[in-house]
Amino acid sequence: AAPSAAPGGSAAAASVEGHGFAYHPRLLALTGSQEQIDAVARAYRIYTSKPTPSEAASGEYLLDHSIIIYLLAPDGKFLSFYGRNFSAHEVATKALAEIAKWDAEHTRADGGLGAWL
């Protein structure tokens, strides 16, 4: 899930939702009030920097933010995170190890990745 600090209310929410699915159809894009966004950013230590008013008015700006993949267990608990310094292979290897560890610590009725997919 990716919180959005994009300005613009409901239009921004629609944009965030569309942007999330550019990566993977099961990626959940989240938005909310500024207070909710700030709370999530603090909880996950996400860095964001809003554009200046003139940048926002021009429509040509970048929203600077952390670039991190968070791995959450099926119950929503934080397991790990992966930054830009990890290759795709490293992320996959480390995430699969975390999944295997979580599965070993929890009784699994389906015996596989069912809860993860």
C-alpha atoms as a PDB file:
ATOM      1  CA  ALA A   1       0.000   0.000   0.000  1.00  0.00           C
ATOM      2  CA  ALA A   2       1.251   3.429  -0.807  1.00  0.00           C
ATOM      3  CA  PRO A   3      -0.001   6.523   0.973  1.00  0.00           C
ATOM      4  CA  SER A   4      -0.346   9.609  -1.176  1.00  0.00           C
ATOM      5  CA  ALA A   5       0.436  13.148  -0.198  1.00  0.00           C
ATOM      6  CA  ALA A   6      -0.690  14.405  -3.604  1.00  0.00           C
ATOM      7  CA  PRO A   7      -2.535  17.723  -3.510  1.00  0.00           C
ATOM      8  CA  GLY A   8      -5.944  18.027  -5.110  1.00  0.00           C
ATOM      9  CA  GLY A   9      -8.580  16.136  -3.115  1.00  0.00           C
ATOM     10  CA  SER A  10     -10.687  13.513  -4.890  1.00  0.00           C
ATOM     11  CA  ALA A  11      -9.007  14.109  -8.261  1.00  0.00           C
ATOM     12  CA  ALA A  12      -5.695  13.262  -6.604  1.00  0.00           C
ATOM     13  CA  ALA A  13      -7.249  10.153  -5.050  1.00  0.00           C
ATOM     14  CA  ALA A  14      -8.350   8.928  -8.483  1.00  0.00           C
ATOM     15  CA  SER A  15      -4.892   9.673  -9.852  1.00  0.00           C
ATOM     16  CA  VAL A  16      -3.208   7.770  -7.014  1.00  0.00           C
ATOM     17  CA  GLU A  17      -5.476   4.774  -7.551  1.00  0.00           C
ATOM     18  CA  GLY A  18      -4.699   4.705 -11.279  1.00  0.00           C
ATOM     19  CA  HIS A  19      -0.978   5.147 -10.646  1.00  0.00           C
ATOM     20  CA  GLY A  20      -0.869   2.209  -8.231  1.00  0.00           C
ATOM     21  CA  PHE A  21      -2.245  -0.180 -10.793  1.00  0.00           C
ATOM     22  CA  ALA A  22       0.487   0.807 -13.242  1.00  0.00           C
ATOM     23  CA  TYR A  23       2.745  -1.386 -11.098  1.00  0.00           C
ATOM     24  CA  HIS A  24       0.620  -4.416 -10.242  1.00  0.00           C
ATOM     25  CA  PRO A  25      -3.149  -4.990 -10.284  1.00  0.00           C
ATOM     26  CA  ARG A  26      -3.120  -6.091  -6.623  1.00  0.00           C
ATOM     27  CA  LEU A  27      -1.206  -3.053  -5.353  1.00  0.00           C
ATOM     28  CA  LEU A  28      -3.485  -1.121  -3.036  1.00  0.00           C
ATOM     29  CA  ALA A  29      -3.133   2.645  -3.397  1.00  0.00           C
ATOM     30  CA  LEU A  30      -4.295   4.570  -0.327  1.00  0.00           C
ATOM     31  CA  THR A  31      -5.169   8.196   0.258  1.00  0.00           C
ATOM     32  CA  GLY A  32      -7.036  10.104   2.931  1.00  0.00           C
ATOM     33  CA  SER A  33      -7.044  13.335   4.859  1.00  0.00           C
ATOM     34  CA  GLN A  34      -3.725  15.091   5.311  1.00  0.00           C
ATOM     35  CA  GLU A  35      -3.751  14.011   8.964  1.00  0.00           C
ATOM     36  CA  GLN A  36      -4.232  10.348   7.987  1.00  0.00           C
ATOM     37  CA  ILE A  37      -1.496  10.554   5.362  1.00  0.00           C
ATOM     38  CA  ASP A  38       0.868  12.179   7.863  1.00  0.00           C
ATOM     39  CA  ALA A  39       0.127   9.448  10.447  1.00  0.00           C
ATOM     40  CA  VAL A  40       0.920   6.664   7.964  1.00  0.00           C
ATOM     41  CA  ALA A  41       4.066   8.473   6.827  1.00  0.00           C
ATOM     42  CA  ARG A  42       5.248   8.743  10.442  1.00  0.00           C
ATOM     43  CA  ALA A  43       4.378   5.117  11.232  1.00  0.00           C
ATOM     44  CA  TYR A  44       6.326   3.799   8.231  1.00  0.00           C
ATOM     45  CA  ARG A  45       9.001   6.526   8.292  1.00  0.00           C
ATOM     46  CA  ILE A  46       8.128   7.699   4.802  1.00  0.00           C
ATOM     47  CA  TYR A  47       9.769  10.874   3.538  1.00  0.00           C
ATOM     48  CA  THR A  48       7.718  13.216   1.362  1.00  0.00           C
ATOM     49  CA  SER A  49       8.274  16.734   0.102  1.00  0.00           C
ATOM     50  CA  LYS A  50       5.397  18.669  -1.430  1.00  0.00           C
ATOM     51  CA  PRO A  51       5.921  21.003  -4.386  1.00  0.00           C
ATOM     52  CA  THR A  52       5.913  24.750  -3.855  1.00  0.00           C
ATOM     53  CA  PRO A  53       2.641  26.544  -4.705  1.00  0.00           C
ATOM     54  CA  SER A  54       4.128  27.796  -7.996  1.00  0.00           C
ATOM     55  CA  GLU A  55       5.281  24.269  -8.935  1.00  0.00           C
ATOM     56  CA  ALA A  56       1.841  22.877  -8.121  1.00  0.00           C
ATOM     57  CA  ALA A  57       0.123  25.630 -10.139  1.00  0.00           C
ATOM     58  CA  SER A  58       2.303  24.910 -13.173  1.00  0.00           C
ATOM     59  CA  GLY A  59       1.339  21.241 -13.143  1.00  0.00           C
ATOM     60  CA  GLU A  60       4.962  20.371 -13.826  1.00  0.00           C
ATOM     61  CA  TYR A  61       6.387  19.135 -10.565  1.00  0.00           C
ATOM     62  CA  LEU A  62       7.618  15.983  -8.929  1.00  0.00           C
ATOM     63  CA  LEU A  63       6.453  14.758  -5.550  1.00  0.00           C
ATOM     64  CA  ASP A  64       9.651  13.687  -3.841  1.00  0.00           C
ATOM     65  CA  HIS A  65       9.162  10.643  -1.595  1.00  0.00           C
ATOM     66  CA  SER A  66      10.753   7.523  -0.168  1.00  0.00           C
ATOM     67  CA  ILE A  67      11.110   4.606  -2.557  1.00  0.00           C
ATOM     68  CA  ILE A  68      10.558   1.549  -0.396  1.00  0.00           C
ATOM     69  CA  ILE A  69       8.790  -1.781  -0.744  1.00  0.00           C
ATOM     70  CA  TYR A  70       7.204  -2.930   2.528  1.00  0.00           C
ATOM     71  CA  LEU A  71       6.567  -6.616   3.188  1.00  0.00           C
ATOM     72  CA  LEU A  72       3.576  -7.145   5.455  1.00  0.00           C
ATOM     73  CA  ALA A  73       2.342 -10.499   6.743  1.00  0.00           C
ATOM     74  CA  PRO A  74      -1.160 -11.647   5.798  1.00  0.00           C
ATOM     75  CA  ASP A  75      -2.303 -10.362   9.205  1.00  0.00           C
ATOM     76  CA  GLY A  76      -0.988  -6.888   8.316  1.00  0.00           C
ATOM     77  CA  LYS A  77       2.057  -6.911  10.591  1.00  0.00           C
ATOM     78  CA  PHE A  78       5.327  -5.420   9.319  1.00  0.00           C
ATOM     79  CA  LEU A  79       7.979  -7.981   8.361  1.00  0.00           C
ATOM     80  CA  SER A  80      10.621  -6.129   6.372  1.00  0.00           C
ATOM     81  CA  PHE A  81      11.315  -3.401   3.854  1.00  0.00           C
ATOM     82  CA  TYR A  82      13.466  -3.083   0.745  1.00  0.00           C
ATOM     83  CA  GLY A  83      14.922   0.140  -0.635  1.00  0.00           C
ATOM     84  CA  ARG A  84      16.413   1.127  -3.970  1.00  0.00           C
ATOM     85  CA  ASN A  85      19.721  -0.447  -2.958  1.00  0.00           C
ATOM     86  CA  PHE A  86      18.249  -3.950  -3.430  1.00  0.00           C
ATOM     87  CA  SER A  87      18.129  -5.619  -6.839  1.00  0.00           C
ATOM     88  CA  ALA A  88      14.939  -7.390  -7.909  1.00  0.00           C
ATOM     89  CA  HIS A  89      16.677 -10.716  -7.250  1.00  0.00           C
ATOM     90  CA  GLU A  90      17.686  -9.632  -3.730  1.00  0.00           C
ATOM     91  CA  VAL A  91      14.155  -8.436  -2.934  1.00  0.00           C
ATOM     92  CA  ALA A  92      12.667 -11.721  -4.156  1.00  0.00           C
ATOM     93  CA  THR A  93      15.207 -13.835  -2.257  1.00  0.00           C
ATOM     94  CA  LYS A  94      14.849 -11.888   0.994  1.00  0.00           C
ATOM     95  CA  ALA A  95      11.045 -11.668   0.763  1.00  0.00           C
ATOM     96  CA  LEU A  96      10.717 -15.409   0.127  1.00  0.00           C
ATOM     97  CA  ALA A  97      12.942 -16.068   3.158  1.00  0.00           C
ATOM     98  CA  GLU A  98      10.727 -13.813   5.308  1.00  0.00           C
ATOM     99  CA  ILE A  99       7.606 -15.549   3.991  1.00  0.00           C
ATOM    100  CA  ALA A 100       9.081 -18.985   4.764  1.00  0.00           C
ATOM    101  CA  LYS A 101      10.029 -17.824   8.267  1.00  0.00           C
ATOM    102  CA  TRP A 102       6.541 -16.430   8.888  1.00  0.00           C
ATOM    103  CA  ASP A 103       4.928 -19.606   7.558  1.00  0.00           C
ATOM    104  CA  ALA A 104       7.133 -21.770   9.814  1.00  0.00           C
ATOM    105  CA  GLU A 105       6.008 -19.759  12.845  1.00  0.00           C
ATOM    106  CA  HIS A 106       2.294 -19.974  12.011  1.00  0.00           C
ATOM    107  CA  THR A 107       0.134 -23.041  11.545  1.00  0.00           C
ATOM    108  CA  ARG A 108      -0.924 -23.127   7.929  1.00  0.00           C
ATOM    109  CA  ALA A 109      -4.032 -25.070   7.025  1.00  0.00           C
ATOM    110  CA  ASP A 110      -3.351 -24.737   3.293  1.00  0.00           C
ATOM    111  CA  GLY A 111       0.352 -25.601   3.583  1.00  0.00           C
ATOM    112  CA  GLY A 112       1.474 -22.911   1.156  1.00  0.00           C
ATOM    113  CA  LEU A 113       1.346 -19.316   0.043  1.00  0.00           C
ATOM    114  CA  GLY A 114      -2.456 -19.157  -0.013  1.00  0.00           C
ATOM    115  CA  ALA A 115      -2.691 -16.463   2.658  1.00  0.00           C
ATOM    116  CA  TRP A 116      -0.091 -14.388   0.813  1.00  0.00           C
ATOM    117  CA  LEU A 117      -1.717 -14.397  -2.626  1.00  0.00           C
END
